[in-house]
Amino acid sequence: MNEPKFVYVTYIATTPEKLWQALTDGAFTERYWFGTRIESDWTLGARVRFLRDDTVSDYGVVLECEPPRRLSYSWRVEFHEEFRHERPSRVTFEIEPMAPRMGGRRSEVKLTVIHDDFDAGSKVFRAISGGWSLVLASLKSFLETGGGLTSASVEALKEAEERALAAARGAAA
């Protein structure tokens, strides 16, 4: 049986370095990721913490770090007991610079996000499948316009958590 896997590809008008900073700097993640501040020193084996109002909502360990091309860390959900019994999964970001097309001058990158290493029937997998799309759309908006989406703001967090729990339980969100 195949393990569940979430894959998302998007193209962003930015540089690999700015995208890397947006993925690894908590001052930036707070602005597009439901007010979540990411913290790590990004060395191999280092702890990764996701903080909301100074409370750890998720955590992991750096598995790969190749600035500004590839980042991978384990992911363990802590914000609700519904998810705490599952083993950590893995998140990988692959950043590829794109060559300018048709005389274009601005930098563009291809971002591929892979969230995998779930057990079959994972509730975390069902929960993240809707959340990543929103967070990554907000990241794209943030980098291209300077502002994240309001639907991924700190004010929208409670509703997003409720949708994640409903998805995990197999209910309509």
N, C-alpha and C. Protein backbone atom coordinates (compact mmCIF):
# COMPACT_ATOMS: atom_id res chain seq x y z
N MET A 1 0.84 -1.19 0.00
CA MET A 1 0.00 0.00 0.00
C MET A 1 0.89 1.25 0.00
N ASN A 2 0.53 2.22 -0.80
CA ASN A 2 1.29 3.47 -0.86
C ASN A 2 1.02 4.34 0.34
N GLU A 3 2.09 4.98 0.83
CA GLU A 3 1.94 5.93 1.93
C GLU A 3 1.35 7.22 1.38
N PRO A 4 0.53 7.92 2.16
CA PRO A 4 0.01 9.22 1.71
C PRO A 4 1.15 10.22 1.51
N LYS A 5 0.96 11.11 0.54
CA LYS A 5 1.96 12.13 0.24
C LYS A 5 1.24 13.37 -0.28
N PHE A 6 1.64 14.54 0.20
CA PHE A 6 1.13 15.81 -0.29
C PHE A 6 2.24 16.48 -1.09
N VAL A 7 1.94 16.86 -2.33
CA VAL A 7 2.90 17.56 -3.18
C VAL A 7 2.22 18.81 -3.73
N TYR A 8 2.91 19.93 -3.64
CA TYR A 8 2.38 21.21 -4.13
C TYR A 8 3.50 21.93 -4.88
N VAL A 9 3.19 22.37 -6.09
CA VAL A 9 4.16 23.11 -6.90
C VAL A 9 3.57 24.48 -7.20
N THR A 10 4.38 25.52 -7.02
CA THR A 10 3.95 26.86 -7.36
C THR A 10 5.14 27.64 -7.91
N TYR A 11 4.85 28.69 -8.62
CA TYR A 11 5.87 29.56 -9.20
C TYR A 11 5.70 30.94 -8.58
N ILE A 12 6.81 31.52 -8.12
CA ILE A 12 6.76 32.77 -7.37
C ILE A 12 7.75 33.77 -7.97
N ALA A 13 7.30 35.00 -8.13
CA ALA A 13 8.17 36.07 -8.62
C ALA A 13 9.00 36.58 -7.44
N THR A 14 10.15 35.95 -7.25
CA THR A 14 11.07 36.31 -6.18
C THR A 14 12.41 35.65 -6.48
N THR A 15 13.37 35.84 -5.61
CA THR A 15 14.66 35.17 -5.75
C THR A 15 14.71 33.96 -4.83
N PRO A 16 15.57 33.00 -5.11
CA PRO A 16 15.72 31.87 -4.19
C PRO A 16 16.10 32.33 -2.78
N GLU A 17 16.91 33.37 -2.68
CA GLU A 17 17.35 33.86 -1.37
C GLU A 17 16.20 34.47 -0.57
N LYS A 18 15.34 35.24 -1.22
CA LYS A 18 14.19 35.82 -0.51
C LYS A 18 13.20 34.74 -0.10
N LEU A 19 12.98 33.75 -0.96
CA LEU A 19 12.09 32.64 -0.61
C LEU A 19 12.67 31.87 0.57
N TRP A 20 13.95 31.61 0.54
CA TRP A 20 14.61 30.91 1.66
C TRP A 20 14.39 31.68 2.96
N GLN A 21 14.59 32.98 2.92
CA GLN A 21 14.40 33.79 4.12
C GLN A 21 12.95 33.72 4.60
N ALA A 22 12.01 33.76 3.67
CA ALA A 22 10.60 33.69 4.04
C ALA A 22 10.24 32.35 4.67
N LEU A 23 10.94 31.29 4.30
CA LEU A 23 10.68 29.96 4.86
C LEU A 23 11.37 29.72 6.20
N THR A 24 12.47 30.44 6.47
CA THR A 24 13.30 30.12 7.63
C THR A 24 13.40 31.22 8.68
N ASP A 25 12.85 32.38 8.42
CA ASP A 25 12.94 33.51 9.35
C ASP A 25 11.57 33.75 9.99
N GLY A 26 11.50 33.57 11.29
CA GLY A 26 10.23 33.70 12.01
C GLY A 26 9.55 35.05 11.86
N ALA A 27 10.33 36.11 11.69
CA ALA A 27 9.73 37.43 11.48
C ALA A 27 8.92 37.44 10.19
N PHE A 28 9.31 36.64 9.23
CA PHE A 28 8.57 36.54 7.96
C PHE A 28 7.42 35.55 8.07
N THR A 29 7.65 34.36 8.65
CA THR A 29 6.57 33.36 8.69
C THR A 29 5.35 33.88 9.45
N GLU A 30 5.58 34.70 10.45
CA GLU A 30 4.45 35.28 11.20
C GLU A 30 3.50 36.07 10.29
N ARG A 31 4.03 36.61 9.21
CA ARG A 31 3.26 37.51 8.35
C ARG A 31 2.40 36.77 7.32
N TYR A 32 2.65 35.49 7.07
CA TYR A 32 1.85 34.77 6.08
C TYR A 32 1.34 33.42 6.56
N TRP A 33 1.72 32.94 7.76
CA TRP A 33 1.43 31.58 8.18
C TRP A 33 0.64 31.57 9.49
N PHE A 34 -0.55 32.14 9.50
CA PHE A 34 -1.44 32.16 10.67
C PHE A 34 -0.75 32.71 11.92
N GLY A 35 0.16 33.65 11.74
CA GLY A 35 0.86 34.22 12.89
C GLY A 35 1.89 33.27 13.50
N THR A 36 2.26 32.23 12.79
CA THR A 36 3.21 31.24 13.30
C THR A 36 4.64 31.72 13.09
N ARG A 37 5.41 31.66 14.17
CA ARG A 37 6.83 32.04 14.12
C ARG A 37 7.66 30.77 14.14
N ILE A 38 8.47 30.57 13.10
CA ILE A 38 9.35 29.40 13.04
C ILE A 38 10.67 29.77 13.67
N GLU A 39 11.27 28.82 14.42
CA GLU A 39 12.56 29.06 15.07
C GLU A 39 13.45 27.85 14.89
N SER A 40 14.68 28.09 14.44
CA SER A 40 15.71 27.05 14.34
C SER A 40 17.02 27.75 14.01
N ASP A 41 18.14 27.05 14.24
CA ASP A 41 19.41 27.59 13.74
C ASP A 41 19.76 26.94 12.41
N TRP A 42 18.91 26.03 11.92
CA TRP A 42 18.97 25.41 10.60
C TRP A 42 20.24 24.61 10.35
N THR A 43 20.85 24.10 11.41
CA THR A 43 21.94 23.14 11.24
C THR A 43 21.36 21.74 11.27
N LEU A 44 22.04 20.80 10.63
CA LEU A 44 21.57 19.43 10.57
C LEU A 44 21.34 18.89 11.99
N GLY A 45 20.15 18.37 12.22
CA GLY A 45 19.80 17.82 13.53
C GLY A 45 19.24 18.83 14.51
N ALA A 46 19.24 20.11 14.14
CA ALA A 46 18.73 21.16 15.04
C ALA A 46 17.22 21.07 15.18
N ARG A 47 16.74 21.52 16.29
CA ARG A 47 15.30 21.55 16.56
C ARG A 47 14.64 22.66 15.73
N VAL A 48 13.44 22.39 15.25
CA VAL A 48 12.60 23.38 14.56
C VAL A 48 11.34 23.52 15.41
N ARG A 49 11.00 24.75 15.77
CA ARG A 49 9.79 24.98 16.56
C ARG A 49 8.89 25.94 15.82
N PHE A 50 7.59 25.67 15.90
CA PHE A 50 6.56 26.54 15.34
C PHE A 50 5.79 27.11 16.52
N LEU A 51 5.86 28.42 16.70
CA LEU A 51 5.27 29.07 17.87
C LEU A 51 4.10 29.95 17.48
N ARG A 52 3.03 29.84 18.25
CA ARG A 52 1.88 30.75 18.14
C ARG A 52 1.61 31.29 19.53
N ASP A 53 1.70 32.59 19.68
CA ASP A 53 1.55 33.21 21.00
C ASP A 53 2.49 32.57 22.01
N ASP A 54 3.74 32.35 21.61
CA ASP A 54 4.79 31.77 22.45
C ASP A 54 4.49 30.34 22.92
N THR A 55 3.55 29.66 22.28
CA THR A 55 3.24 28.27 22.58
C THR A 55 3.62 27.42 21.38
N VAL A 56 4.29 26.30 21.62
CA VAL A 56 4.69 25.41 20.53
C VAL A 56 3.46 24.72 19.97
N SER A 57 3.20 24.93 18.67
CA SER A 57 2.07 24.28 18.00
C SER A 57 2.52 23.03 17.24
N ASP A 58 3.76 23.06 16.75
CA ASP A 58 4.35 21.94 16.03
C ASP A 58 5.86 22.01 16.25
N TYR A 59 6.53 20.89 16.01
CA TYR A 59 7.99 20.92 16.11
C TYR A 59 8.58 19.83 15.24
N GLY A 60 9.89 19.89 15.06
CA GLY A 60 10.59 18.89 14.27
C GLY A 60 12.08 19.04 14.42
N VAL A 61 12.80 18.36 13.51
CA VAL A 61 14.25 18.35 13.50
C VAL A 61 14.70 18.57 12.06
N VAL A 62 15.74 19.40 11.87
CA VAL A 62 16.29 19.64 10.53
C VAL A 62 16.92 18.35 10.01
N LEU A 63 16.45 17.91 8.83
CA LEU A 63 16.97 16.71 8.18
C LEU A 63 17.94 17.04 7.06
N GLU A 64 17.69 18.14 6.34
CA GLU A 64 18.55 18.63 5.26
C GLU A 64 18.47 20.15 5.25
N CYS A 65 19.59 20.79 4.96
CA CYS A 65 19.59 22.25 4.85
C CYS A 65 20.68 22.66 3.87
N GLU A 66 20.22 23.05 2.67
CA GLU A 66 21.12 23.48 1.60
C GLU A 66 20.65 24.84 1.07
N PRO A 67 20.95 25.93 1.82
CA PRO A 67 20.48 27.25 1.39
C PRO A 67 21.00 27.63 0.01
N PRO A 68 20.27 28.29 -0.80
CA PRO A 68 18.82 28.50 -0.78
C PRO A 68 18.09 27.51 -1.71
N ARG A 69 18.46 26.25 -1.68
CA ARG A 69 17.91 25.28 -2.64
C ARG A 69 17.00 24.22 -2.04
N ARG A 70 17.34 23.70 -0.87
CA ARG A 70 16.59 22.56 -0.33
C ARG A 70 16.59 22.60 1.19
N LEU A 71 15.40 22.39 1.75
CA LEU A 71 15.22 22.35 3.20
C LEU A 71 14.26 21.22 3.52
N SER A 72 14.62 20.42 4.52
CA SER A 72 13.74 19.32 4.93
C SER A 72 13.80 19.20 6.45
N TYR A 73 12.64 19.00 7.05
CA TYR A 73 12.58 18.78 8.50
C TYR A 73 11.44 17.83 8.83
N SER A 74 11.58 17.19 9.97
CA SER A 74 10.47 16.36 10.45
C SER A 74 9.38 17.29 10.98
N TRP A 75 8.16 16.75 11.07
CA TRP A 75 7.00 17.56 11.46
C TRP A 75 6.15 16.77 12.44
N ARG A 76 6.01 17.28 13.63
CA ARG A 76 5.15 16.65 14.63
C ARG A 76 4.15 17.69 15.11
N VAL A 77 2.88 17.36 15.01
CA VAL A 77 1.81 18.30 15.37
C VAL A 77 1.52 18.20 16.87
N GLU A 78 1.49 19.36 17.52
CA GLU A 78 1.26 19.43 18.96
C GLU A 78 0.03 20.23 19.35
N PHE A 79 -0.58 20.96 18.41
CA PHE A 79 -1.61 21.92 18.82
C PHE A 79 -2.89 21.27 19.32
N HIS A 80 -3.09 19.95 19.07
CA HIS A 80 -4.31 19.28 19.54
C HIS A 80 -4.01 17.81 19.80
N GLU A 81 -4.62 17.26 20.85
CA GLU A 81 -4.37 15.86 21.22
C GLU A 81 -4.77 14.87 20.12
N GLU A 82 -5.63 15.29 19.21
CA GLU A 82 -6.06 14.44 18.09
C GLU A 82 -4.86 13.96 17.26
N PHE A 83 -3.79 14.74 17.25
CA PHE A 83 -2.65 14.46 16.39
C PHE A 83 -1.40 13.98 17.13
N ARG A 84 -1.33 14.16 18.42
CA ARG A 84 -0.09 13.94 19.17
C ARG A 84 0.40 12.50 19.19
N HIS A 85 -0.47 11.55 18.96
CA HIS A 85 -0.06 10.14 19.01
C HIS A 85 0.65 9.67 17.74
N GLU A 86 0.59 10.45 16.66
CA GLU A 86 1.22 10.04 15.40
C GLU A 86 2.71 10.34 15.41
N ARG A 87 3.46 9.48 14.73
CA ARG A 87 4.90 9.72 14.61
C ARG A 87 5.13 10.92 13.68
N PRO A 88 6.30 11.53 13.76
CA PRO A 88 6.57 12.68 12.89
C PRO A 88 6.55 12.31 11.41
N SER A 89 6.11 13.24 10.59
CA SER A 89 6.18 13.12 9.13
C SER A 89 7.35 13.98 8.67
N ARG A 90 7.46 14.20 7.36
CA ARG A 90 8.59 14.96 6.82
C ARG A 90 8.08 16.01 5.84
N VAL A 91 8.66 17.22 5.91
CA VAL A 91 8.36 18.30 4.98
C VAL A 91 9.66 18.65 4.25
N THR A 92 9.57 18.76 2.91
CA THR A 92 10.73 19.12 2.11
C THR A 92 10.35 20.26 1.17
N PHE A 93 11.18 21.28 1.14
CA PHE A 93 11.02 22.41 0.22
C PHE A 93 12.14 22.34 -0.80
N GLU A 94 11.79 22.31 -2.08
CA GLU A 94 12.78 22.35 -3.15
C GLU A 94 12.59 23.66 -3.91
N ILE A 95 13.66 24.44 -4.00
CA ILE A 95 13.62 25.76 -4.62
C ILE A 95 14.49 25.74 -5.87
N GLU A 96 13.88 26.04 -7.02
CA GLU A 96 14.62 26.04 -8.29
C GLU A 96 14.49 27.41 -8.95
N PRO A 97 15.62 28.09 -9.21
CA PRO A 97 15.54 29.36 -9.96
C PRO A 97 15.08 29.09 -11.38
N MET A 98 14.29 30.00 -11.91
CA MET A 98 13.79 29.87 -13.29
C MET A 98 14.51 30.88 -14.17
N ALA A 99 14.83 30.47 -15.37
CA ALA A 99 15.45 31.39 -16.33
C ALA A 99 14.40 32.39 -16.81
N PRO A 100 14.75 33.67 -16.93
CA PRO A 100 13.79 34.66 -17.44
C PRO A 100 13.31 34.27 -18.84
N ARG A 101 12.05 34.48 -19.12
CA ARG A 101 11.45 34.13 -20.40
C ARG A 101 11.02 35.39 -21.14
N MET A 102 11.10 35.35 -22.44
CA MET A 102 10.60 36.41 -23.31
C MET A 102 11.04 37.79 -22.85
N GLY A 103 12.32 37.92 -22.55
CA GLY A 103 12.86 39.23 -22.21
C GLY A 103 12.54 39.68 -20.79
N GLY A 104 11.94 38.80 -19.98
CA GLY A 104 11.62 39.17 -18.61
C GLY A 104 12.88 39.42 -17.80
N ARG A 105 12.77 40.30 -16.84
CA ARG A 105 13.95 40.65 -16.04
C ARG A 105 13.80 40.27 -14.57
N ARG A 106 12.59 40.03 -14.14
CA ARG A 106 12.44 39.74 -12.72
C ARG A 106 12.75 38.27 -12.44
N SER A 107 13.21 38.03 -11.24
CA SER A 107 13.55 36.67 -10.82
C SER A 107 12.28 35.89 -10.52
N GLU A 108 12.30 34.63 -10.88
CA GLU A 108 11.19 33.73 -10.57
C GLU A 108 11.77 32.41 -10.10
N VAL A 109 11.03 31.75 -9.22
CA VAL A 109 11.45 30.45 -8.71
C VAL A 109 10.30 29.46 -8.78
N LYS A 110 10.67 28.21 -8.88
CA LYS A 110 9.71 27.11 -8.77
C LYS A 110 9.89 26.53 -7.37
N LEU A 111 8.80 26.50 -6.61
CA LEU A 111 8.82 25.92 -5.26
C LEU A 111 8.00 24.64 -5.28
N THR A 112 8.63 23.56 -4.87
CA THR A 112 7.93 22.28 -4.71
C THR A 112 7.97 21.93 -3.23
N VAL A 113 6.79 21.70 -2.66
CA VAL A 113 6.67 21.28 -1.27
C VAL A 113 6.18 19.85 -1.25
N ILE A 114 6.91 19.01 -0.55
CA ILE A 114 6.54 17.60 -0.41
C ILE A 114 6.39 17.32 1.08
N HIS A 115 5.21 16.91 1.48
CA HIS A 115 4.99 16.51 2.88
C HIS A 115 4.63 15.03 2.81
N ASP A 116 5.52 14.19 3.35
CA ASP A 116 5.34 12.75 3.22
C ASP A 116 5.78 12.03 4.49
N ASP A 117 5.99 10.73 4.35
CA ASP A 117 6.38 9.85 5.44
C ASP A 117 5.29 9.75 6.51
N PHE A 118 4.06 9.64 6.03
CA PHE A 118 2.90 9.42 6.89
C PHE A 118 2.58 7.93 6.94
N ASP A 119 1.99 7.51 8.02
CA ASP A 119 1.43 6.16 8.06
C ASP A 119 0.11 6.16 7.32
N ALA A 120 -0.29 5.01 6.80
CA ALA A 120 -1.60 4.89 6.16
C ALA A 120 -2.67 5.27 7.17
N GLY A 121 -3.67 6.02 6.73
CA GLY A 121 -4.76 6.44 7.61
C GLY A 121 -4.41 7.61 8.52
N SER A 122 -3.32 8.29 8.25
CA SER A 122 -2.86 9.40 9.10
C SER A 122 -3.88 10.53 9.18
N LYS A 123 -4.21 10.92 10.39
CA LYS A 123 -5.10 12.07 10.60
C LYS A 123 -4.35 13.37 10.30
N VAL A 124 -3.05 13.39 10.57
CA VAL A 124 -2.26 14.58 10.26
C VAL A 124 -2.27 14.83 8.75
N PHE A 125 -2.13 13.77 7.96
CA PHE A 125 -2.16 13.94 6.50
C PHE A 125 -3.48 14.57 6.06
N ARG A 126 -4.58 14.08 6.58
CA ARG A 126 -5.88 14.65 6.19
C ARG A 126 -5.97 16.12 6.60
N ALA A 127 -5.40 16.46 7.73
CA ALA A 127 -5.47 17.84 8.24
C ALA A 127 -4.58 18.80 7.44
N ILE A 128 -3.38 18.35 7.07
CA ILE A 128 -2.45 19.27 6.39
C ILE A 128 -2.81 19.51 4.93
N SER A 129 -3.55 18.61 4.35
CA SER A 129 -3.82 18.71 2.91
C SER A 129 -4.52 20.01 2.53
N GLY A 130 -5.39 20.51 3.36
CA GLY A 130 -6.03 21.80 3.09
C GLY A 130 -5.20 22.98 3.58
N GLY A 131 -4.48 22.78 4.66
CA GLY A 131 -3.71 23.87 5.25
C GLY A 131 -2.53 24.32 4.41
N TRP A 132 -1.79 23.38 3.84
CA TRP A 132 -0.63 23.76 3.05
C TRP A 132 -1.00 24.63 1.86
N SER A 133 -2.07 24.29 1.17
CA SER A 133 -2.46 25.09 0.00
C SER A 133 -2.67 26.55 0.37
N LEU A 134 -3.33 26.77 1.48
CA LEU A 134 -3.60 28.14 1.94
C LEU A 134 -2.31 28.84 2.38
N VAL A 135 -1.48 28.16 3.14
CA VAL A 135 -0.23 28.76 3.61
C VAL A 135 0.68 29.10 2.43
N LEU A 136 0.76 28.21 1.45
CA LEU A 136 1.64 28.47 0.31
C LEU A 136 1.10 29.56 -0.61
N ALA A 137 -0.21 29.66 -0.75
CA ALA A 137 -0.79 30.77 -1.51
C ALA A 137 -0.50 32.09 -0.78
N SER A 138 -0.57 32.07 0.54
CA SER A 138 -0.28 33.26 1.32
C SER A 138 1.20 33.63 1.22
N LEU A 139 2.08 32.64 1.22
CA LEU A 139 3.52 32.88 1.03
C LEU A 139 3.77 33.54 -0.32
N LYS A 140 3.15 33.02 -1.36
CA LYS A 140 3.31 33.60 -2.70
C LYS A 140 2.83 35.05 -2.72
N SER A 141 1.66 35.30 -2.15
CA SER A 141 1.14 36.66 -2.08
C SER A 141 2.09 37.58 -1.30
N PHE A 142 2.58 37.09 -0.18
CA PHE A 142 3.49 37.87 0.66
C PHE A 142 4.74 38.28 -0.13
N LEU A 143 5.34 37.33 -0.84
CA LEU A 143 6.57 37.63 -1.57
C LEU A 143 6.34 38.52 -2.78
N GLU A 144 5.18 38.39 -3.42
CA GLU A 144 4.92 39.17 -4.63
C GLU A 144 4.28 40.53 -4.37
N THR A 145 3.55 40.66 -3.26
CA THR A 145 2.84 41.92 -3.01
C THR A 145 3.21 42.59 -1.69
N GLY A 146 3.89 41.85 -0.81
CA GLY A 146 4.24 42.40 0.49
C GLY A 146 3.24 42.08 1.58
N GLY A 147 2.15 41.40 1.24
CA GLY A 147 1.15 41.04 2.24
C GLY A 147 0.64 39.62 2.03
N GLY A 148 0.50 38.89 3.12
CA GLY A 148 -0.07 37.54 3.06
C GLY A 148 -1.57 37.62 2.92
N LEU A 149 -2.21 36.48 2.72
CA LEU A 149 -3.67 36.43 2.60
C LEU A 149 -4.34 36.57 3.96
N THR A 150 -5.45 37.27 4.02
CA THR A 150 -6.17 37.40 5.29
C THR A 150 -6.70 36.05 5.75
N SER A 151 -6.99 35.14 4.82
CA SER A 151 -7.48 33.81 5.21
C SER A 151 -6.38 32.96 5.83
N ALA A 152 -5.13 33.43 5.83
CA ALA A 152 -4.02 32.75 6.51
C ALA A 152 -3.42 33.64 7.59
N SER A 153 -4.20 34.61 8.07
CA SER A 153 -3.72 35.53 9.10
C SER A 153 -3.93 34.92 10.48
N VAL A 154 -3.35 35.58 11.49
CA VAL A 154 -3.51 35.11 12.86
C VAL A 154 -4.99 35.11 13.26
N GLU A 155 -5.76 36.05 12.71
CA GLU A 155 -7.19 36.13 13.01
C GLU A 155 -7.96 34.93 12.46
N ALA A 156 -7.44 34.30 11.41
CA ALA A 156 -8.11 33.16 10.78
C ALA A 156 -7.65 31.82 11.37
N LEU A 157 -6.76 31.85 12.35
CA LEU A 157 -6.17 30.62 12.88
C LEU A 157 -7.20 29.67 13.47
N LYS A 158 -8.09 30.17 14.31
CA LYS A 158 -9.05 29.28 14.98
C LYS A 158 -9.90 28.53 13.96
N GLU A 159 -10.39 29.23 12.95
CA GLU A 159 -11.19 28.60 11.90
C GLU A 159 -10.37 27.54 11.15
N ALA A 160 -9.10 27.85 10.88
CA ALA A 160 -8.24 26.89 10.17
C ALA A 160 -8.00 25.65 11.03
N GLU A 161 -7.79 25.83 12.32
CA GLU A 161 -7.60 24.68 13.20
C GLU A 161 -8.86 23.82 13.25
N GLU A 162 -10.03 24.46 13.27
CA GLU A 162 -11.29 23.71 13.27
C GLU A 162 -11.45 22.92 11.97
N ARG A 163 -11.07 23.51 10.83
CA ARG A 163 -11.12 22.79 9.55
C ARG A 163 -10.17 21.60 9.55
N ALA A 164 -8.98 21.80 10.12
CA ALA A 164 -7.99 20.71 10.19
C ALA A 164 -8.52 19.56 11.05
N LEU A 165 -9.11 19.88 12.17
CA LEU A 165 -9.68 18.84 13.05
C LEU A 165 -10.83 18.12 12.36
N ALA A 166 -11.70 18.87 11.68
CA ALA A 166 -12.81 18.24 10.96
C ALA A 166 -12.28 17.31 9.88
N ALA A 167 -11.26 17.74 9.15
CA ALA A 167 -10.68 16.89 8.10
C ALA A 167 -10.06 15.63 8.71
N ALA A 168 -9.38 15.79 9.83
CA ALA A 168 -8.74 14.65 10.50
C ALA A 168 -9.77 13.64 10.96
N ARG A 169 -10.91 14.11 11.36
CA ARG A 169 -11.97 13.23 11.84
C ARG A 169 -12.84 12.69 10.71
N GLY A 170 -12.52 13.13 9.48
CA GLY A 170 -13.27 12.64 8.33
C GLY A 170 -14.58 13.33 8.10
N ALA A 171 -14.79 14.48 8.76
CA ALA A 171 -16.04 15.23 8.61
C ALA A 171 -15.86 16.29 7.52
N ALA A 172 -16.95 16.80 7.03
CA ALA A 172 -16.89 17.91 6.07
C ALA A 172 -16.37 19.14 6.79
N ALA A 173 -15.46 19.83 6.15
CA ALA A 173 -14.89 21.02 6.79
C ALA A 173 -15.76 22.23 6.55
